[in-house]
Amino acid sequence: MNIIEKEIEVKDYLTKSNLPASDYVINPYVGCPHGCKYCYASFMKRFTGHKEEWGTFIDVKRCTKPISKKKLKGKAVFLASVTDCYNSFEEKYCITQSILKQLLNEDVQLVFQQSHR
């Protein structure tokens, strides 16, 4: 199946979180190529402008601004709360890898979603 891929520019990777397990979330992608029937993240489609079915598109987030290590000091960051940060497009774009390199050796707790696949 062909996945519609689009690069989008974002001002910041960090989003303040209302989740109990984290202070911030980072979602390197919007959408996902898996299209799991019971995906809890499919509600994100309404924020994308996509008319396509969930699972048929992925928006690749690009951000030139470095992640604020000062803002994150001692905080918890949920990586990929509504996307798969290691989807098949990560090999091509390396967004998650770039984010993790920025957070390496920093005083930040990373929280990950457990995969159900």
PDB file of N, CA and C in Angstrom:
ATOM      1  N   MET A   1       0.843  -1.183   0.000  1.00  0.00           N
ATOM      2  CA  MET A   1       0.000   0.000   0.000  1.00  0.00           C
ATOM      3  C   MET A   1       0.888   1.245   0.000  1.00  0.00           C
ATOM      4  N   ASN A   2       0.516   2.222  -0.798  1.00  0.00           N
ATOM      5  CA  ASN A   2       1.250   3.477  -0.838  1.00  0.00           C
ATOM      6  C   ASN A   2       0.820   4.363   0.319  1.00  0.00           C
ATOM      7  N   ILE A   3       1.808   4.901   1.004  1.00  0.00           N
ATOM      8  CA  ILE A   3       1.571   5.811   2.110  1.00  0.00           C
ATOM      9  C   ILE A   3       1.875   7.223   1.627  1.00  0.00           C
ATOM     10  N   ILE A   4       0.977   8.144   1.899  1.00  0.00           N
ATOM     11  CA  ILE A   4       1.204   9.547   1.553  1.00  0.00           C
ATOM     12  C   ILE A   4       2.124  10.127   2.606  1.00  0.00           C
ATOM     13  N   GLU A   5       3.301  10.546   2.174  1.00  0.00           N
ATOM     14  CA  GLU A   5       4.251  11.129   3.119  1.00  0.00           C
ATOM     15  C   GLU A   5       4.460  12.600   2.807  1.00  0.00           C
ATOM     16  N   LYS A   6       4.506  13.385   3.873  1.00  0.00           N
ATOM     17  CA  LYS A   6       4.661  14.825   3.718  1.00  0.00           C
ATOM     18  C   LYS A   6       5.559  15.330   4.849  1.00  0.00           C
ATOM     19  N   GLU A   7       6.501  16.184   4.522  1.00  0.00           N
ATOM     20  CA  GLU A   7       7.332  16.813   5.545  1.00  0.00           C
ATOM     21  C   GLU A   7       6.659  18.111   5.964  1.00  0.00           C
ATOM     22  N   ILE A   8       6.558  18.311   7.272  1.00  0.00           N
ATOM     23  CA  ILE A   8       5.962  19.542   7.788  1.00  0.00           C
ATOM     24  C   ILE A   8       6.946  20.200   8.743  1.00  0.00           C
ATOM     25  N   GLU A   9       6.992  21.514   8.693  1.00  0.00           N
ATOM     26  CA  GLU A   9       7.871  22.281   9.576  1.00  0.00           C
ATOM     27  C   GLU A   9       7.113  22.617  10.852  1.00  0.00           C
ATOM     28  N   VAL A  10       7.725  22.322  11.999  1.00  0.00           N
ATOM     29  CA  VAL A  10       7.135  22.662  13.290  1.00  0.00           C
ATOM     30  C   VAL A  10       8.075  23.606  14.018  1.00  0.00           C
ATOM     31  N   LYS A  11       7.506  24.429  14.898  1.00  0.00           N
ATOM     32  CA  LYS A  11       8.315  25.412  15.632  1.00  0.00           C
ATOM     33  C   LYS A  11       9.099  24.787  16.766  1.00  0.00           C
ATOM     34  N   ASP A  12       8.569  23.672  17.304  1.00  0.00           N
ATOM     35  CA  ASP A  12       9.196  23.017  18.441  1.00  0.00           C
ATOM     36  C   ASP A  12       8.732  21.568  18.462  1.00  0.00           C
ATOM     37  N   TYR A  13       9.620  20.675  18.851  1.00  0.00           N
ATOM     38  CA  TYR A  13       9.212  19.277  19.016  1.00  0.00           C
ATOM     39  C   TYR A  13       8.455  19.067  20.322  1.00  0.00           C
ATOM     40  N   LEU A  14       8.699  19.914  21.292  1.00  0.00           N
ATOM     41  CA  LEU A  14       8.095  19.756  22.617  1.00  0.00           C
ATOM     42  C   LEU A  14       6.668  20.277  22.661  1.00  0.00           C
ATOM     43  N   THR A  15       5.804  19.500  23.300  1.00  0.00           N
ATOM     44  CA  THR A  15       4.441  19.919  23.584  1.00  0.00           C
ATOM     45  C   THR A  15       4.188  19.670  25.056  1.00  0.00           C
ATOM     46  N   LYS A  16       3.675  20.669  25.745  1.00  0.00           N
ATOM     47  CA  LYS A  16       3.324  20.498  27.154  1.00  0.00           C
ATOM     48  C   LYS A  16       2.292  19.388  27.257  1.00  0.00           C
ATOM     49  N   SER A  17       2.486  18.506  28.239  1.00  0.00           N
ATOM     50  CA  SER A  17       1.632  17.328  28.361  1.00  0.00           C
ATOM     51  C   SER A  17       0.625  17.468  29.492  1.00  0.00           C
ATOM     52  N   ASN A  18      -0.556  16.921  29.261  1.00  0.00           N
ATOM     53  CA  ASN A  18      -1.562  16.784  30.310  1.00  0.00           C
ATOM     54  C   ASN A  18      -1.633  15.338  30.806  1.00  0.00           C
ATOM     55  N   LEU A  19      -0.738  14.508  30.320  1.00  0.00           N
ATOM     56  CA  LEU A  19      -0.703  13.109  30.729  1.00  0.00           C
ATOM     57  C   LEU A  19      -0.041  12.982  32.100  1.00  0.00           C
ATOM     58  N   PRO A  20      -0.536  12.100  32.934  1.00  0.00           N
ATOM     59  CA  PRO A  20       0.030  11.979  34.285  1.00  0.00           C
ATOM     60  C   PRO A  20       1.473  11.483  34.316  1.00  0.00           C
ATOM     61  N   ALA A  21       1.912  10.769  33.294  1.00  0.00           N
ATOM     62  CA  ALA A  21       3.249  10.173  33.302  1.00  0.00           C
ATOM     63  C   ALA A  21       4.342  11.086  32.754  1.00  0.00           C
ATOM     64  N   SER A  22       3.973  12.265  32.259  1.00  0.00           N
ATOM     65  CA  SER A  22       5.001  13.099  31.633  1.00  0.00           C
ATOM     66  C   SER A  22       4.680  14.586  31.728  1.00  0.00           C
ATOM     67  N   ASP A  23       5.745  15.372  31.656  1.00  0.00           N
ATOM     68  CA  ASP A  23       5.618  16.833  31.642  1.00  0.00           C
ATOM     69  C   ASP A  23       5.474  17.355  30.213  1.00  0.00           C
ATOM     70  N   TYR A  24       6.129  16.662  29.273  1.00  0.00           N
ATOM     71  CA  TYR A  24       6.105  17.035  27.860  1.00  0.00           C
ATOM     72  C   TYR A  24       5.928  15.783  27.013  1.00  0.00           C
ATOM     73  N   VAL A  25       5.466  15.962  25.782  1.00  0.00           N
ATOM     74  CA  VAL A  25       5.446  14.887  24.797  1.00  0.00           C
ATOM     75  C   VAL A  25       6.193  15.356  23.554  1.00  0.00           C
ATOM     76  N   ILE A  26       6.771  14.401  22.873  1.00  0.00           N
ATOM     77  CA  ILE A  26       7.392  14.637  21.570  1.00  0.00           C
ATOM     78  C   ILE A  26       6.847  13.577  20.630  1.00  0.00           C
ATOM     79  N   ASN A  27       6.191  14.009  19.583  1.00  0.00           N
ATOM     80  CA  ASN A  27       5.691  13.112  18.544  1.00  0.00           C
ATOM     81  C   ASN A  27       6.405  13.467  17.244  1.00  0.00           C
ATOM     82  N   PRO A  28       7.410  12.682  16.856  1.00  0.00           N
ATOM     83  CA  PRO A  28       8.201  13.015  15.672  1.00  0.00           C
ATOM     84  C   PRO A  28       7.426  12.908  14.359  1.00  0.00           C
ATOM     85  N   TYR A  29       6.337  12.181  14.397  1.00  0.00           N
ATOM     86  CA  TYR A  29       5.508  11.967  13.211  1.00  0.00           C
ATOM     87  C   TYR A  29       4.052  12.178  13.576  1.00  0.00           C
ATOM     88  N   VAL A  30       3.240  12.484  12.567  1.00  0.00           N
ATOM     89  CA  VAL A  30       1.786  12.493  12.715  1.00  0.00           C
ATOM     90  C   VAL A  30       1.283  11.452  11.731  1.00  0.00           C
ATOM     91  N   GLY A  31       0.446  10.565  12.216  1.00  0.00           N
ATOM     92  CA  GLY A  31       0.004   9.467  11.374  1.00  0.00           C
ATOM     93  C   GLY A  31       0.941   8.291  11.543  1.00  0.00           C
ATOM     94  N   CYS A  32       0.652   7.260  10.767  1.00  0.00           N
ATOM     95  CA  CYS A  32       1.386   6.018  10.941  1.00  0.00           C
ATOM     96  C   CYS A  32       1.055   5.104   9.772  1.00  0.00           C
ATOM     97  N   PRO A  33       2.016   4.356   9.278  1.00  0.00           N
ATOM     98  CA  PRO A  33       1.740   3.474   8.144  1.00  0.00           C
ATOM     99  C   PRO A  33       1.093   2.146   8.523  1.00  0.00           C
ATOM    100  N   HIS A  34       0.890   1.877   9.809  1.00  0.00           N
ATOM    101  CA  HIS A  34       0.365   0.575  10.225  1.00  0.00           C
ATOM    102  C   HIS A  34      -1.146   0.458  10.011  1.00  0.00           C
ATOM    103  N   GLY A  35      -1.886   1.499  10.343  1.00  0.00           N
ATOM    104  CA  GLY A  35      -3.338   1.456  10.170  1.00  0.00           C
ATOM    105  C   GLY A  35      -4.024   0.424  11.042  1.00  0.00           C
ATOM    106  N   CYS A  36      -3.547   0.268  12.268  1.00  0.00           N
ATOM    107  CA  CYS A  36      -4.149  -0.711  13.176  1.00  0.00           C
ATOM    108  C   CYS A  36      -5.632  -0.378  13.386  1.00  0.00           C
ATOM    109  N   LYS A  37      -6.470  -1.374  13.304  1.00  0.00           N
ATOM    110  CA  LYS A  37      -7.915  -1.189  13.368  1.00  0.00           C
ATOM    111  C   LYS A  37      -8.366  -0.512  14.658  1.00  0.00           C
ATOM    112  N   TYR A  38      -7.725  -0.826  15.756  1.00  0.00           N
ATOM    113  CA  TYR A  38      -8.142  -0.284  17.052  1.00  0.00           C
ATOM    114  C   TYR A  38      -7.181   0.759  17.599  1.00  0.00           C
ATOM    115  N   CYS A  39      -6.519   1.472  16.746  1.00  0.00           N
ATOM    116  CA  CYS A  39      -5.529   2.467  17.166  1.00  0.00           C
ATOM    117  C   CYS A  39      -6.186   3.600  17.951  1.00  0.00           C
ATOM    118  N   TYR A  40      -5.684   3.825  19.155  1.00  0.00           N
ATOM    119  CA  TYR A  40      -6.225   4.909  19.979  1.00  0.00           C
ATOM    120  C   TYR A  40      -5.830   6.279  19.452  1.00  0.00           C
ATOM    121  N   ALA A  41      -4.807   6.356  18.621  1.00  0.00           N
ATOM    122  CA  ALA A  41      -4.301   7.647  18.142  1.00  0.00           C
ATOM    123  C   ALA A  41      -5.002   8.145  16.883  1.00  0.00           C
ATOM    124  N   SER A  42      -5.935   7.382  16.358  1.00  0.00           N
ATOM    125  CA  SER A  42      -6.584   7.779  15.100  1.00  0.00           C
ATOM    126  C   SER A  42      -7.358   9.093  15.218  1.00  0.00           C
ATOM    127  N   PHE A  43      -7.678   9.505  16.449  1.00  0.00           N
ATOM    128  CA  PHE A  43      -8.348  10.799  16.628  1.00  0.00           C
ATOM    129  C   PHE A  43      -7.488  11.957  16.130  1.00  0.00           C
ATOM    130  N   MET A  44      -6.187  11.743  16.017  1.00  0.00           N
ATOM    131  CA  MET A  44      -5.269  12.798  15.564  1.00  0.00           C
ATOM    132  C   MET A  44      -5.567  13.237  14.131  1.00  0.00           C
ATOM    133  N   LYS A  45      -6.248  12.405  13.385  1.00  0.00           N
ATOM    134  CA  LYS A  45      -6.547  12.738  11.986  1.00  0.00           C
ATOM    135  C   LYS A  45      -7.274  14.073  11.876  1.00  0.00           C
ATOM    136  N   ARG A  46      -8.165  14.365  12.817  1.00  0.00           N
ATOM    137  CA  ARG A  46      -8.949  15.601  12.719  1.00  0.00           C
ATOM    138  C   ARG A  46      -8.087  16.866  12.839  1.00  0.00           C
ATOM    139  N   PHE A  47      -6.841  16.725  13.314  1.00  0.00           N
ATOM    140  CA  PHE A  47      -5.943  17.872  13.439  1.00  0.00           C
ATOM    141  C   PHE A  47      -4.997  18.007  12.256  1.00  0.00           C
ATOM    142  N   THR A  48      -5.078  17.088  11.294  1.00  0.00           N
ATOM    143  CA  THR A  48      -4.085  17.047  10.226  1.00  0.00           C
ATOM    144  C   THR A  48      -4.524  17.686   8.923  1.00  0.00           C
ATOM    145  N   GLY A  49      -5.820  17.747   8.686  1.00  0.00           N
ATOM    146  CA  GLY A  49      -6.312  18.213   7.394  1.00  0.00           C
ATOM    147  C   GLY A  49      -6.361  17.099   6.362  1.00  0.00           C
ATOM    148  N   HIS A  50      -5.917  15.907   6.731  1.00  0.00           N
ATOM    149  CA  HIS A  50      -5.962  14.765   5.814  1.00  0.00           C
ATOM    150  C   HIS A  50      -7.383  14.245   5.669  1.00  0.00           C
ATOM    151  N   LYS A  51      -7.744  13.924   4.444  1.00  0.00           N
ATOM    152  CA  LYS A  51      -9.041  13.304   4.158  1.00  0.00           C
ATOM    153  C   LYS A  51      -8.884  11.778   4.039  1.00  0.00           C
ATOM    154  N   GLU A  52      -7.637  11.345   3.897  1.00  0.00           N
ATOM    155  CA  GLU A  52      -7.352   9.923   3.722  1.00  0.00           C
ATOM    156  C   GLU A  52      -7.655   9.143   5.009  1.00  0.00           C
ATOM    157  N   GLU A  53      -7.776   7.849   4.856  1.00  0.00           N
ATOM    158  CA  GLU A  53      -7.976   6.959   5.994  1.00  0.00           C
ATOM    159  C   GLU A  53      -6.749   6.985   6.902  1.00  0.00           C
ATOM    160  N   TRP A  54      -6.987   6.828   8.201  1.00  0.00           N
ATOM    161  CA  TRP A  54      -5.893   6.686   9.163  1.00  0.00           C
ATOM    162  C   TRP A  54      -5.083   5.440   8.769  1.00  0.00           C
ATOM    163  N   GLY A  55      -3.782   5.577   8.765  1.00  0.00           N
ATOM    164  CA  GLY A  55      -2.918   4.468   8.364  1.00  0.00           C
ATOM    165  C   GLY A  55      -2.447   4.565   6.931  1.00  0.00           C
ATOM    166  N   THR A  56      -2.904   5.615   6.207  1.00  0.00           N
ATOM    167  CA  THR A  56      -2.484   5.779   4.808  1.00  0.00           C
ATOM    168  C   THR A  56      -1.630   7.017   4.603  1.00  0.00           C
ATOM    169  N   PHE A  57      -1.323   7.716   5.684  1.00  0.00           N
ATOM    170  CA  PHE A  57      -0.480   8.915   5.565  1.00  0.00           C
ATOM    171  C   PHE A  57       0.440   9.033   6.768  1.00  0.00           C
ATOM    172  N   ILE A  58       1.517   9.774   6.551  1.00  0.00           N
ATOM    173  CA  ILE A  58       2.422  10.107   7.643  1.00  0.00           C
ATOM    174  C   ILE A  58       2.994  11.491   7.366  1.00  0.00           C
ATOM    175  N   ASP A  59       2.929  12.344   8.366  1.00  0.00           N
ATOM    176  CA  ASP A  59       3.548  13.661   8.284  1.00  0.00           C
ATOM    177  C   ASP A  59       4.841  13.589   9.092  1.00  0.00           C
ATOM    178  N   VAL A  60       5.930  13.941   8.458  1.00  0.00           N
ATOM    179  CA  VAL A  60       7.249  13.894   9.072  1.00  0.00           C
ATOM    180  C   VAL A  60       7.553  15.287   9.622  1.00  0.00           C
ATOM    181  N   LYS A  61       7.705  15.388  10.920  1.00  0.00           N
ATOM    182  CA  LYS A  61       7.944  16.696  11.535  1.00  0.00           C
ATOM    183  C   LYS A  61       9.416  17.079  11.417  1.00  0.00           C
ATOM    184  N   ARG A  62       9.647  18.280  10.929  1.00  0.00           N
ATOM    185  CA  ARG A  62      10.992  18.853  10.833  1.00  0.00           C
ATOM    186  C   ARG A  62      11.036  20.084  11.721  1.00  0.00           C
ATOM    187  N   CYS A  63      12.100  20.205  12.492  1.00  0.00           N
ATOM    188  CA  CYS A  63      12.254  21.362  13.371  1.00  0.00           C
ATOM    189  C   CYS A  63      13.722  21.764  13.398  1.00  0.00           C
ATOM    190  N   THR A  64      13.989  23.017  13.073  1.00  0.00           N
ATOM    191  CA  THR A  64      15.376  23.487  13.073  1.00  0.00           C
ATOM    192  C   THR A  64      15.823  23.961  14.456  1.00  0.00           C
ATOM    193  N   LYS A  65      14.855  24.244  15.319  1.00  0.00           N
ATOM    194  CA  LYS A  65      15.162  24.714  16.669  1.00  0.00           C
ATOM    195  C   LYS A  65      15.608  23.529  17.536  1.00  0.00           C
ATOM    196  N   PRO A  66      16.746  23.656  18.210  1.00  0.00           N
ATOM    197  CA  PRO A  66      17.163  22.567  19.102  1.00  0.00           C
ATOM    198  C   PRO A  66      16.185  22.405  20.268  1.00  0.00           C
ATOM    199  N   ILE A  67      16.092  21.196  20.778  1.00  0.00           N
ATOM    200  CA  ILE A  67      15.238  20.929  21.929  1.00  0.00           C
ATOM    201  C   ILE A  67      15.822  21.641  23.147  1.00  0.00           C
ATOM    202  N   SER A  68      14.978  22.316  23.917  1.00  0.00           N
ATOM    203  CA  SER A  68      15.423  23.077  25.082  1.00  0.00           C
ATOM    204  C   SER A  68      15.768  22.144  26.239  1.00  0.00           C
ATOM    205  N   LYS A  69      17.050  21.928  26.435  1.00  0.00           N
ATOM    206  CA  LYS A  69      17.497  21.068  27.527  1.00  0.00           C
ATOM    207  C   LYS A  69      17.239  21.726  28.880  1.00  0.00           C
ATOM    208  N   LYS A  70      17.286  23.034  28.909  1.00  0.00           N
ATOM    209  CA  LYS A  70      17.008  23.771  30.149  1.00  0.00           C
ATOM    210  C   LYS A  70      15.554  23.552  30.583  1.00  0.00           C
ATOM    211  N   LYS A  71      14.639  23.616  29.626  1.00  0.00           N
ATOM    212  CA  LYS A  71      13.218  23.414  29.903  1.00  0.00           C
ATOM    213  C   LYS A  71      12.933  21.990  30.389  1.00  0.00           C
ATOM    214  N   LEU A  72      13.722  21.038  29.903  1.00  0.00           N
ATOM    215  CA  LEU A  72      13.488  19.631  30.214  1.00  0.00           C
ATOM    216  C   LEU A  72      14.229  19.122  31.450  1.00  0.00           C
ATOM    217  N   LYS A  73      15.110  19.916  31.990  1.00  0.00           N
ATOM    218  CA  LYS A  73      15.936  19.455  33.118  1.00  0.00           C
ATOM    219  C   LYS A  73      15.056  18.920  34.251  1.00  0.00           C
ATOM    220  N   GLY A  74      15.253  17.636  34.559  1.00  0.00           N
ATOM    221  CA  GLY A  74      14.511  16.991  35.631  1.00  0.00           C
ATOM    222  C   GLY A  74      13.075  16.638  35.286  1.00  0.00           C
ATOM    223  N   LYS A  75      12.699  16.773  34.038  1.00  0.00           N
ATOM    224  CA  LYS A  75      11.313  16.533  33.613  1.00  0.00           C
ATOM    225  C   LYS A  75      11.188  15.171  32.920  1.00  0.00           C
ATOM    226  N   ALA A  76       9.945  14.727  32.782  1.00  0.00           N
ATOM    227  CA  ALA A  76       9.644  13.492  32.060  1.00  0.00           C
ATOM    228  C   ALA A  76       9.089  13.833  30.685  1.00  0.00           C
ATOM    229  N   VAL A  77       9.583  13.153  29.670  1.00  0.00           N
ATOM    230  CA  VAL A  77       9.152  13.367  28.291  1.00  0.00           C
ATOM    231  C   VAL A  77       8.636  12.047  27.728  1.00  0.00           C
ATOM    232  N   PHE A  78       7.406  12.074  27.265  1.00  0.00           N
ATOM    233  CA  PHE A  78       6.781  10.913  26.634  1.00  0.00           C
ATOM    234  C   PHE A  78       7.107  10.981  25.154  1.00  0.00           C
ATOM    235  N   LEU A  79       7.914  10.051  24.692  1.00  0.00           N
ATOM    236  CA  LEU A  79       8.280  10.018  23.281  1.00  0.00           C
ATOM    237  C   LEU A  79       7.264   9.185  22.517  1.00  0.00           C
ATOM    238  N   ALA A  80       6.564   9.836  21.608  1.00  0.00           N
ATOM    239  CA  ALA A  80       5.605   9.181  20.711  1.00  0.00           C
ATOM    240  C   ALA A  80       4.336   8.741  21.431  1.00  0.00           C
ATOM    241  N   SER A  81       3.613   9.692  21.962  1.00  0.00           N
ATOM    242  CA  SER A  81       2.362   9.379  22.658  1.00  0.00           C
ATOM    243  C   SER A  81       1.227   9.040  21.694  1.00  0.00           C
ATOM    244  N   VAL A  82       1.283   9.553  20.465  1.00  0.00           N
ATOM    245  CA  VAL A  82       0.227   9.283  19.482  1.00  0.00           C
ATOM    246  C   VAL A  82       0.787   8.937  18.106  1.00  0.00           C
ATOM    247  N   THR A  83       1.916   8.273  18.088  1.00  0.00           N
ATOM    248  CA  THR A  83       2.511   7.818  16.833  1.00  0.00           C
ATOM    249  C   THR A  83       3.515   6.724  17.159  1.00  0.00           C
ATOM    250  N   ASP A  84       3.972   6.034  16.143  1.00  0.00           N
ATOM    251  CA  ASP A  84       5.043   5.055  16.302  1.00  0.00           C
ATOM    252  C   ASP A  84       6.331   5.754  15.895  1.00  0.00           C
ATOM    253  N   CYS A  85       7.192   6.018  16.861  1.00  0.00           N
ATOM    254  CA  CYS A  85       8.415   6.771  16.549  1.00  0.00           C
ATOM    255  C   CYS A  85       9.444   5.933  15.792  1.00  0.00           C
ATOM    256  N   TYR A  86       9.228   4.618  15.726  1.00  0.00           N
ATOM    257  CA  TYR A  86      10.112   3.743  14.961  1.00  0.00           C
ATOM    258  C   TYR A  86       9.365   3.058  13.821  1.00  0.00           C
ATOM    259  N   ASN A  87       8.471   3.826  13.175  1.00  0.00           N
ATOM    260  CA  ASN A  87       7.776   3.295  12.006  1.00  0.00           C
ATOM    261  C   ASN A  87       8.782   3.120  10.863  1.00  0.00           C
ATOM    262  N   SER A  88       8.351   2.538   9.787  1.00  0.00           N
ATOM    263  CA  SER A  88       9.258   2.232   8.667  1.00  0.00           C
ATOM    264  C   SER A  88       9.892   3.477   8.034  1.00  0.00           C
ATOM    265  N   PHE A  89       9.317   4.651   8.231  1.00  0.00           N
ATOM    266  CA  PHE A  89       9.877   5.883   7.658  1.00  0.00           C
ATOM    267  C   PHE A  89      11.024   6.446   8.499  1.00  0.00           C
ATOM    268  N   GLU A  90      11.195   5.941   9.702  1.00  0.00           N
ATOM    269  CA  GLU A  90      12.307   6.399  10.545  1.00  0.00           C
ATOM    270  C   GLU A  90      13.648   6.086   9.891  1.00  0.00           C
ATOM    271  N   GLU A  91      13.734   4.981   9.186  1.00  0.00           N
ATOM    272  CA  GLU A  91      14.980   4.626   8.504  1.00  0.00           C
ATOM    273  C   GLU A  91      15.379   5.701   7.486  1.00  0.00           C
ATOM    274  N   LYS A  92      14.404   6.271   6.824  1.00  0.00           N
ATOM    275  CA  LYS A  92      14.646   7.296   5.804  1.00  0.00           C
ATOM    276  C   LYS A  92      14.906   8.674   6.435  1.00  0.00           C
ATOM    277  N   TYR A  93      14.096   9.060   7.428  1.00  0.00           N
ATOM    278  CA  TYR A  93      14.148  10.431   7.954  1.00  0.00           C
ATOM    279  C   TYR A  93      14.975  10.601   9.232  1.00  0.00           C
ATOM    280  N   CYS A  94      15.098   9.557  10.035  1.00  0.00           N
ATOM    281  CA  CYS A  94      15.917   9.579  11.261  1.00  0.00           C
ATOM    282  C   CYS A  94      15.527  10.685  12.248  1.00  0.00           C
ATOM    283  N   ILE A  95      14.247  11.015  12.312  1.00  0.00           N
ATOM    284  CA  ILE A  95      13.783  12.064  13.217  1.00  0.00           C
ATOM    285  C   ILE A  95      13.922  11.620  14.675  1.00  0.00           C
ATOM    286  N   THR A  96      13.461  10.426  14.998  1.00  0.00           N
ATOM    287  CA  THR A  96      13.559   9.919  16.366  1.00  0.00           C
ATOM    288  C   THR A  96      15.022   9.819  16.781  1.00  0.00           C
ATOM    289  N   GLN A  97      15.854   9.334  15.904  1.00  0.00           N
ATOM    290  CA  GLN A  97      17.280   9.226  16.190  1.00  0.00           C
ATOM    291  C   GLN A  97      17.867  10.602  16.511  1.00  0.00           C
ATOM    292  N   SER A  98      17.511  11.597  15.735  1.00  0.00           N
ATOM    293  CA  SER A  98      17.998  12.957  15.957  1.00  0.00           C
ATOM    294  C   SER A  98      17.540  13.500  17.313  1.00  0.00           C
ATOM    295  N   ILE A  99      16.289  13.239  17.663  1.00  0.00           N
ATOM    296  CA  ILE A  99      15.748  13.693  18.945  1.00  0.00           C
ATOM    297  C   ILE A  99      16.477  13.014  20.094  1.00  0.00           C
ATOM    298  N   LEU A 100      16.660  11.709  19.997  1.00  0.00           N
ATOM    299  CA  LEU A 100      17.347  10.978  21.060  1.00  0.00           C
ATOM    300  C   LEU A 100      18.797  11.440  21.226  1.00  0.00           C
ATOM    301  N   LYS A 101      19.462  11.761  20.133  1.00  0.00           N
ATOM    302  CA  LYS A 101      20.835  12.284  20.219  1.00  0.00           C
ATOM    303  C   LYS A 101      20.865  13.605  20.982  1.00  0.00           C
ATOM    304  N   GLN A 102      19.840  14.448  20.776  1.00  0.00           N
ATOM    305  CA  GLN A 102      19.789  15.727  21.492  1.00  0.00           C
ATOM    306  C   GLN A 102      19.579  15.523  22.992  1.00  0.00           C
ATOM    307  N   LEU A 103      18.882  14.448  23.354  1.00  0.00           N
ATOM    308  CA  LEU A 103      18.559  14.203  24.763  1.00  0.00           C
ATOM    309  C   LEU A 103      19.579  13.308  25.468  1.00  0.00           C
ATOM    310  N   LEU A 104      20.520  12.775  24.713  1.00  0.00           N
ATOM    311  CA  LEU A 104      21.537  11.893  25.272  1.00  0.00           C
ATOM    312  C   LEU A 104      22.325  12.609  26.365  1.00  0.00           C
ATOM    313  N   ASN A 105      22.494  11.957  27.475  1.00  0.00           N
ATOM    314  CA  ASN A 105      23.255  12.472  28.621  1.00  0.00           C
ATOM    315  C   ASN A 105      22.647  13.713  29.253  1.00  0.00           C
ATOM    316  N   GLU A 106      21.353  13.936  29.044  1.00  0.00           N
ATOM    317  CA  GLU A 106      20.660  15.056  29.668  1.00  0.00           C
ATOM    318  C   GLU A 106      19.849  14.546  30.854  1.00  0.00           C
ATOM    319  N   ASP A 107      19.536  15.445  31.764  1.00  0.00           N
ATOM    320  CA  ASP A 107      18.747  15.116  32.954  1.00  0.00           C
ATOM    321  C   ASP A 107      17.263  15.128  32.589  1.00  0.00           C
ATOM    322  N   VAL A 108      16.851  14.079  31.875  1.00  0.00           N
ATOM    323  CA  VAL A 108      15.464  13.961  31.423  1.00  0.00           C
ATOM    324  C   VAL A 108      15.058  12.489  31.497  1.00  0.00           C
ATOM    325  N   GLN A 109      13.837  12.251  31.928  1.00  0.00           N
ATOM    326  CA  GLN A 109      13.313  10.890  31.976  1.00  0.00           C
ATOM    327  C   GLN A 109      12.481  10.660  30.720  1.00  0.00           C
ATOM    328  N   LEU A 110      12.853   9.660  29.931  1.00  0.00           N
ATOM    329  CA  LEU A 110      12.098   9.340  28.720  1.00  0.00           C
ATOM    330  C   LEU A 110      11.065   8.265  29.030  1.00  0.00           C
ATOM    331  N   VAL A 111       9.841   8.499  28.574  1.00  0.00           N
ATOM    332  CA  VAL A 111       8.732   7.570  28.747  1.00  0.00           C
ATOM    333  C   VAL A 111       8.323   7.117  27.351  1.00  0.00           C
ATOM    334  N   PHE A 112       8.149   5.816  27.182  1.00  0.00           N
ATOM    335  CA  PHE A 112       7.774   5.254  25.889  1.00  0.00           C
ATOM    336  C   PHE A 112       6.484   4.488  26.003  1.00  0.00           C
ATOM    337  N   GLN A 113       5.718   4.476  24.922  1.00  0.00           N
ATOM    338  CA  GLN A 113       4.506   3.674  24.830  1.00  0.00           C
ATOM    339  C   GLN A 113       4.911   2.238  24.557  1.00  0.00           C
ATOM    340  N   GLN A 114       4.286   1.305  25.237  1.00  0.00           N
ATOM    341  CA  GLN A 114       4.540  -0.088  24.948  1.00  0.00           C
ATOM    342  C   GLN A 114       3.826  -0.472  23.665  1.00  0.00           C
ATOM    343  N   SER A 115       4.513  -1.204  22.823  1.00  0.00           N
ATOM    344  CA  SER A 115       3.921  -1.651  21.570  1.00  0.00           C
ATOM    345  C   SER A 115       2.971  -2.812  21.829  1.00  0.00           C
ATOM    346  N   HIS A 116       1.880  -2.813  21.097  1.00  0.00           N
ATOM    347  CA  HIS A 116       0.911  -3.896  21.199  1.00  0.00           C
ATOM    348  C   HIS A 116       0.898  -4.743  19.937  1.00  0.00           C
ATOM    349  N   ARG A 117       1.875  -4.560  19.085  1.00  0.00           N
ATOM    350  CA  ARG A 117       1.935  -5.336  17.839  1.00  0.00           C
ATOM    351  C   ARG A 117       2.625  -6.638  18.090  1.00  0.00           C
TER     352      ARG A 117
END
